[in-house]
Amino acid sequence: MLRKNKIILNELRKWYKEDKIDKKTFDNLYDNYSKNQNDVDSIMRWSVIIGAILILIGIIYFTMYIVSSIYTKLGSLTLITISGFYFSINFLNQNKKYYYPKLGISTLILSTIVLLIDSYYILLKFNITKNEILFIIILFWSIVYLIVSYIRYRQILLILANILILPLILSAGNANTKISIINCPKITFLLVILAGIVLFIVAYAHNFIKFRLSYTYKKIYSFFGIIYVNIGLMLITLFNDYGEVILKVKTIEREKSIMIIIWVFVSILLYILGRKYKNNTFKIYATIFLFLNVYIRYFELFWNKMNKGLFFLIIGILSTAIGIYFETQYRKRLR
């Protein structure tokens, strides 16, 4: 369904629920905007993103295959990076003839990845250790994206700067990890949680900072705050057996139980805040991470103890029941 029609349909539901329009008007308008529509927007978005990814991977592999000199490889990667940024900027420019925002965003993200690879090989030539290279590259470009996002009012650059926070922390976490999540010490996961909390504080600060995109930037910081707090809690419960106990408890098992309870509490708190401030994003992600927590615990407890057919049957029935419940509640709100 086209995004414009989705927005209109959501507003119609809201008006009908608030008794601003009668049922007949609602039915007529709803049928009009939902008729002969399909998920063109989603198909278009993912087709473009997947296509751009495959093209870029093909170009990189082809370049690495036919080129043997490290300097030629660096030159090729640099050329790909510059070309990617050039086309992404043009695709995102509304004043240009060829305005393709989804293609522009996907090209920009992929160009950033190639840029990190290119920078990695360049610094490697100066005999800097691999983990130092990763940290320097990610820190540099995250700062650049952050500064430029405020100067040029480009929210996609702010999104990229926030995305780079996780690999930045992981690369600095342990000199032997080479950004390996499994072997990172638990203190690194706590830093991910702390980063999420800091992003929430920055989001709140944007209530007092007035500029053109202050509300949009606030939503971006809030989104990544939610993601990083929950990712940190998820990782620390998944890989709690690695490293020493960091809480003042006797066993790793007890520490893991405490972390699981904290994760549940965070999800519930997030949902309560969403209800209080009528923030659907908070409620949606609170629900997602709460169920993710339940699913992870289910896999941990029963994967090796239960017949695999019964295992998937139970989780399938549970997932279906949850979906039916939310669908029923959604229909009740429309009545």
Protein backbone atom coordinates (compact mmCIF):
# COMPACT_ATOMS: atom_id res chain seq x y z
CA MET A 1 0.00 0.00 0.00
CA LEU A 2 1.33 3.43 -0.87
CA ARG A 3 2.62 5.40 2.10
CA LYS A 4 0.31 8.37 1.42
CA ASN A 5 -2.72 6.09 1.57
CA LYS A 6 -1.44 4.46 4.74
CA ILE A 7 -1.26 7.85 6.44
CA ILE A 8 -4.77 8.75 5.29
CA LEU A 9 -6.19 5.41 6.46
CA ASN A 10 -4.56 5.81 9.88
CA GLU A 11 -6.07 9.28 10.22
CA LEU A 12 -9.48 7.96 9.19
CA ARG A 13 -9.31 5.29 11.90
CA LYS A 14 -8.34 7.93 14.44
CA TRP A 15 -11.22 10.24 13.43
CA TYR A 16 -13.72 7.39 13.53
CA LYS A 17 -12.51 6.31 16.96
CA GLU A 18 -12.83 9.90 18.22
CA ASP A 19 -16.38 10.17 16.74
CA LYS A 20 -15.35 12.93 14.34
CA ILE A 21 -16.90 11.06 11.39
CA ASP A 22 -19.83 8.65 11.24
CA LYS A 23 -19.60 4.99 10.23
CA LYS A 24 -20.98 5.52 6.73
CA THR A 25 -18.43 8.23 5.94
CA PHE A 26 -15.67 6.12 7.43
CA ASP A 27 -16.62 3.06 5.36
CA ASN A 28 -16.85 5.06 2.12
CA LEU A 29 -13.53 6.83 2.59
CA TYR A 30 -11.79 3.71 3.87
CA ASP A 31 -12.92 1.67 0.86
CA ASN A 32 -11.89 4.48 -1.48
CA TYR A 33 -8.32 4.70 -0.19
CA SER A 34 -7.78 0.98 0.32
CA LYS A 35 -9.26 -0.12 -3.02
CA ASN A 36 -6.89 -1.69 -5.56
CA GLN A 37 -3.87 -0.98 -3.38
CA ASN A 38 -1.05 -3.34 -2.56
CA ASP A 39 2.30 -3.21 -0.84
CA VAL A 40 3.98 -1.41 -3.73
CA ASP A 41 5.92 0.80 -1.33
CA SER A 42 7.44 -2.13 0.58
CA ILE A 43 8.20 -4.09 -2.58
CA MET A 44 9.81 -1.03 -4.17
CA ARG A 45 11.89 -0.25 -1.10
CA TRP A 46 13.28 -3.74 -0.59
CA SER A 47 13.80 -4.39 -4.30
CA VAL A 48 15.91 -1.24 -4.56
CA ILE A 49 17.88 -1.94 -1.37
CA ILE A 50 18.58 -5.59 -2.21
CA GLY A 51 19.47 -4.67 -5.80
CA ALA A 52 21.90 -1.96 -4.67
CA ILE A 53 23.53 -4.33 -2.16
CA LEU A 54 23.99 -7.07 -4.75
CA ILE A 55 25.39 -4.66 -7.35
CA LEU A 56 27.89 -3.22 -4.87
CA ILE A 57 28.98 -6.66 -3.65
CA GLY A 58 29.41 -7.74 -7.28
CA ILE A 59 31.56 -4.70 -8.10
CA ILE A 60 33.75 -5.18 -5.02
CA TYR A 61 34.26 -8.91 -5.63
CA PHE A 62 34.97 -8.33 -9.31
CA THR A 63 37.50 -5.61 -8.45
CA MET A 64 39.22 -7.76 -5.80
CA TYR A 65 39.36 -10.69 -8.25
CA ILE A 66 40.95 -8.94 -11.22
CA VAL A 67 43.23 -6.60 -9.25
CA SER A 68 46.30 -7.92 -7.45
CA SER A 69 48.13 -4.71 -6.43
CA ILE A 70 47.10 -3.31 -3.04
CA TYR A 71 47.41 0.24 -4.39
CA THR A 72 45.09 -0.53 -7.30
CA LYS A 73 42.62 -2.09 -4.87
CA LEU A 74 42.73 1.02 -2.70
CA GLY A 75 42.23 3.20 -5.75
CA SER A 76 39.29 1.09 -6.91
CA LEU A 77 37.62 1.15 -3.48
CA THR A 78 38.14 4.92 -3.27
CA LEU A 79 36.60 5.37 -6.72
CA ILE A 80 33.61 3.21 -5.75
CA THR A 81 33.19 5.23 -2.54
CA ILE A 82 33.33 8.61 -4.29
CA SER A 83 30.93 7.42 -7.00
CA GLY A 84 28.55 6.03 -4.38
CA PHE A 85 28.45 9.29 -2.42
CA TYR A 86 28.04 11.31 -5.63
CA PHE A 87 25.06 9.28 -6.84
CA SER A 88 23.47 9.05 -3.38
CA ILE A 89 23.60 12.84 -2.96
CA ASN A 90 22.02 13.30 -6.39
CA PHE A 91 19.34 10.67 -5.74
CA LEU A 92 18.44 12.42 -2.45
CA ASN A 93 18.26 15.90 -4.01
CA GLN A 94 14.61 16.80 -4.62
CA ASN A 95 15.62 19.49 -7.11
CA LYS A 96 17.33 16.99 -9.39
CA LYS A 97 15.61 15.28 -12.31
CA TYR A 98 16.27 11.79 -10.93
CA TYR A 99 14.95 11.89 -7.36
CA TYR A 100 15.00 8.38 -5.87
CA PRO A 101 15.12 8.75 -2.05
CA LYS A 102 15.10 5.03 -1.20
CA LEU A 103 17.85 4.26 -3.69
CA GLY A 104 19.77 7.30 -2.42
CA ILE A 105 19.58 6.20 1.22
CA SER A 106 20.62 2.60 0.46
CA THR A 107 23.49 3.83 -1.75
CA LEU A 108 24.65 6.21 1.00
CA ILE A 109 24.70 3.45 3.61
CA LEU A 110 26.54 1.05 1.31
CA SER A 111 29.04 3.75 0.33
CA THR A 112 29.74 4.28 4.02
CA ILE A 113 30.50 0.57 4.43
CA VAL A 114 32.89 0.66 1.45
CA LEU A 115 34.46 3.82 2.89
CA LEU A 116 35.16 1.99 6.17
CA ILE A 117 36.74 -0.92 4.26
CA ASP A 118 38.82 1.49 2.17
CA SER A 119 39.98 3.40 5.26
CA TYR A 120 40.82 0.12 6.97
CA TYR A 121 43.25 -0.92 4.21
CA ILE A 122 44.75 2.56 4.00
CA LEU A 123 45.57 2.63 7.73
CA LEU A 124 46.78 -0.97 7.56
CA LYS A 125 49.54 0.22 5.23
CA PHE A 126 50.84 2.37 8.12
CA ASN A 127 51.26 -0.76 10.31
CA ILE A 128 48.59 0.31 12.81
CA THR A 129 47.08 -2.66 14.66
CA LYS A 130 43.77 -3.85 13.31
CA ASN A 131 41.68 -3.01 16.36
CA GLU A 132 43.17 0.48 16.57
CA ILE A 133 42.37 0.95 12.88
CA LEU A 134 38.75 -0.05 13.36
CA PHE A 135 38.33 2.25 16.34
CA ILE A 136 39.98 5.24 14.63
CA ILE A 137 37.98 4.83 11.41
CA ILE A 138 34.61 4.39 13.08
CA LEU A 139 35.19 7.21 15.57
CA PHE A 140 36.31 9.61 12.84
CA TRP A 141 33.39 8.99 10.51
CA SER A 142 30.78 8.93 13.27
CA ILE A 143 31.97 12.40 14.38
CA VAL A 144 31.98 13.64 10.78
CA TYR A 145 28.44 12.38 10.15
CA LEU A 146 27.22 13.84 13.45
CA ILE A 147 28.64 17.31 12.76
CA VAL A 148 27.50 17.44 9.13
CA SER A 149 24.00 16.24 10.08
CA TYR A 150 23.53 19.39 12.16
CA ILE A 151 25.20 21.73 9.68
CA ARG A 152 23.34 20.44 6.60
CA TYR A 153 20.19 19.19 8.38
CA ARG A 154 20.55 15.67 6.95
CA GLN A 155 18.77 13.18 9.19
CA ILE A 156 20.20 10.19 7.27
CA LEU A 157 23.69 11.27 8.41
CA LEU A 158 22.50 11.40 12.02
CA ILE A 159 21.11 7.88 11.60
CA LEU A 160 24.47 6.68 10.25
CA ALA A 161 26.30 8.35 13.16
CA ASN A 162 24.04 6.52 15.62
CA ILE A 163 24.44 3.21 13.79
CA LEU A 164 28.23 3.49 14.12
CA ILE A 165 28.02 3.73 17.93
CA LEU A 166 27.65 -0.04 18.35
CA PRO A 167 30.70 -1.10 16.25
CA LEU A 168 32.64 1.76 17.88
CA ILE A 169 32.03 0.36 21.36
CA LEU A 170 32.67 -3.22 20.30
CA SER A 171 35.94 -2.33 18.56
CA ALA A 172 37.15 -0.54 21.70
CA GLY A 173 35.93 -3.25 24.06
CA ASN A 174 38.73 -5.76 23.77
CA ALA A 175 41.97 -5.70 21.77
CA ASN A 176 41.64 -9.38 20.93
CA THR A 177 38.05 -9.40 19.73
CA LYS A 178 38.35 -7.80 16.27
CA ILE A 179 34.69 -6.81 16.70
CA SER A 180 33.70 -10.35 17.69
CA ILE A 181 30.52 -10.00 19.74
CA ILE A 182 30.79 -13.42 21.39
CA ASN A 183 34.21 -12.79 22.93
CA CYS A 184 33.57 -9.23 24.10
CA PRO A 185 33.74 -8.78 27.89
CA LYS A 186 30.49 -8.04 29.69
CA ILE A 187 31.66 -4.54 30.49
CA THR A 188 31.45 -3.79 26.76
CA PHE A 189 27.77 -4.75 26.75
CA LEU A 190 27.22 -2.45 29.72
CA LEU A 191 28.77 0.35 27.67
CA VAL A 192 26.21 -0.37 24.92
CA ILE A 193 23.44 0.01 27.53
CA LEU A 194 25.04 3.22 28.78
CA ALA A 195 25.19 4.54 25.21
CA GLY A 196 21.45 3.93 24.90
CA ILE A 197 20.79 5.84 28.13
CA VAL A 198 22.94 8.74 26.91
CA LEU A 199 20.97 8.83 23.64
CA PHE A 200 17.74 9.08 25.65
CA ILE A 201 19.20 12.04 27.55
CA VAL A 202 20.22 13.70 24.27
CA ALA A 203 16.71 13.08 22.91
CA TYR A 204 15.19 14.74 25.98
CA ALA A 205 17.59 17.68 25.62
CA HIS A 206 16.19 18.30 22.14
CA ASN A 207 12.96 19.45 23.82
CA PHE A 208 14.89 22.60 24.72
CA ILE A 209 16.91 22.91 21.50
CA LYS A 210 14.86 24.58 18.81
CA PHE A 211 15.87 24.23 15.17
CA ARG A 212 14.27 22.99 11.98
CA LEU A 213 14.63 19.25 12.61
CA SER A 214 14.72 19.19 16.42
CA TYR A 215 11.61 16.98 16.70
CA THR A 216 12.85 14.56 14.01
CA TYR A 217 16.29 14.35 15.63
CA LYS A 218 14.64 13.73 19.00
CA LYS A 219 12.78 10.73 17.52
CA ILE A 220 16.01 9.37 15.98
CA TYR A 221 17.88 9.58 19.29
CA SER A 222 14.93 8.00 21.14
CA PHE A 223 14.77 5.14 18.64
CA PHE A 224 18.47 4.31 18.93
CA GLY A 225 18.31 4.74 22.70
CA ILE A 226 15.64 2.02 22.82
CA ILE A 227 17.60 -0.22 20.45
CA TYR A 228 20.96 0.06 22.26
CA VAL A 229 19.59 -0.41 25.78
CA ASN A 230 17.75 -3.54 24.67
CA ILE A 231 20.61 -4.86 22.51
CA GLY A 232 23.01 -4.43 25.43
CA LEU A 233 20.67 -6.30 27.78
CA MET A 234 20.09 -9.02 25.19
CA LEU A 235 23.82 -9.57 24.61
CA ILE A 236 24.67 -9.62 28.30
CA THR A 237 21.99 -12.28 28.94
CA LEU A 238 23.02 -14.34 25.90
CA PHE A 239 26.77 -14.29 26.59
CA ASN A 240 26.78 -13.96 30.37
CA ASP A 241 28.95 -17.08 30.72
CA TYR A 242 31.91 -15.26 29.13
CA GLY A 243 34.10 -13.47 31.66
CA GLU A 244 33.91 -12.84 35.38
CA VAL A 245 30.88 -11.91 37.45
CA ILE A 246 30.48 -8.11 37.37
CA LEU A 247 27.61 -7.78 39.86
CA LYS A 248 28.02 -8.42 43.58
CA VAL A 249 26.50 -11.90 43.43
CA LYS A 250 28.00 -15.32 44.03
CA THR A 251 27.33 -17.10 40.73
CA ILE A 252 27.09 -16.33 37.02
CA GLU A 253 23.64 -17.99 36.92
CA ARG A 254 22.28 -15.58 39.53
CA GLU A 255 23.81 -12.64 37.69
CA LYS A 256 22.14 -13.79 34.46
CA SER A 257 18.77 -14.08 36.22
CA ILE A 258 19.11 -10.52 37.51
CA MET A 259 19.92 -9.24 34.01
CA ILE A 260 16.91 -11.07 32.54
CA ILE A 261 14.65 -9.49 35.18
CA ILE A 262 16.13 -6.05 34.45
CA TRP A 263 15.43 -6.56 30.72
CA VAL A 264 11.80 -7.48 31.48
CA PHE A 265 11.50 -4.44 33.75
CA VAL A 266 12.90 -2.14 31.04
CA SER A 267 10.36 -3.48 28.51
CA ILE A 268 7.47 -2.98 30.94
CA LEU A 269 8.68 0.52 31.86
CA LEU A 270 9.00 1.43 28.18
CA TYR A 271 5.45 0.22 27.54
CA ILE A 272 4.10 2.23 30.50
CA LEU A 273 5.84 5.37 29.20
CA GLY A 274 4.36 4.69 25.78
CA ARG A 275 0.86 4.46 27.26
CA LYS A 276 1.34 7.55 29.40
CA TYR A 277 2.70 9.78 26.63
CA LYS A 278 0.70 8.10 23.83
CA ASN A 279 3.89 7.06 22.07
CA ASN A 280 3.18 4.06 19.85
CA THR A 281 6.88 3.58 19.05
CA PHE A 282 7.67 2.95 22.71
CA LYS A 283 4.79 0.48 23.04
CA ILE A 284 5.69 -1.41 19.86
CA TYR A 285 9.37 -1.87 20.73
CA ALA A 286 8.57 -2.69 24.35
CA THR A 287 6.32 -5.50 23.11
CA ILE A 288 8.87 -6.71 20.54
CA PHE A 289 11.75 -6.92 23.02
CA LEU A 290 9.59 -8.46 25.74
CA PHE A 291 8.58 -11.29 23.40
CA LEU A 292 12.17 -11.57 22.14
CA ASN A 293 13.28 -12.07 25.73
CA VAL A 294 10.67 -14.81 26.18
CA TYR A 295 11.66 -16.53 22.91
CA ILE A 296 15.37 -16.47 23.79
CA ARG A 297 14.69 -18.00 27.20
CA TYR A 298 12.49 -20.65 25.56
CA PHE A 299 15.30 -21.61 23.17
CA GLU A 300 17.84 -21.72 26.00
CA LEU A 301 15.69 -23.93 28.20
CA PHE A 302 14.17 -26.40 25.75
CA TRP A 303 16.29 -26.60 22.56
CA ASN A 304 18.38 -29.52 23.79
CA LYS A 305 15.69 -31.05 26.02
CA MET A 306 12.69 -31.34 23.71
CA ASN A 307 11.79 -33.10 20.48
CA LYS A 308 12.40 -30.57 17.69
CA GLY A 309 8.97 -31.15 16.14
CA LEU A 310 7.24 -30.46 19.45
CA PHE A 311 9.60 -27.51 20.06
CA PHE A 312 8.60 -25.71 16.84
CA LEU A 313 4.94 -26.73 17.22
CA ILE A 314 4.71 -25.04 20.61
CA ILE A 315 6.49 -21.88 19.54
CA GLY A 316 4.41 -21.74 16.35
CA ILE A 317 1.14 -22.04 18.28
CA LEU A 318 2.34 -19.38 20.73
CA SER A 319 3.27 -16.97 17.93
CA THR A 320 -0.05 -17.55 16.14
CA ALA A 321 -2.01 -17.00 19.35
CA ILE A 322 -0.18 -13.75 19.99
CA GLY A 323 -0.89 -12.56 16.45
CA ILE A 324 -4.59 -13.43 16.72
CA TYR A 325 -4.84 -11.65 20.07
CA PHE A 326 -3.37 -8.41 18.74
CA GLU A 327 -5.47 -8.61 15.57
CA THR A 328 -8.60 -9.02 17.72
CA GLN A 329 -7.67 -6.05 19.90
CA TYR A 330 -6.94 -3.97 16.81
CA ARG A 331 -10.36 -4.72 15.31
CA LYS A 332 -12.09 -3.85 18.59
CA ARG A 333 -10.49 -0.40 18.53
CA LEU A 334 -11.93 0.22 15.04
CA ARG A 335 -15.50 -0.52 16.12
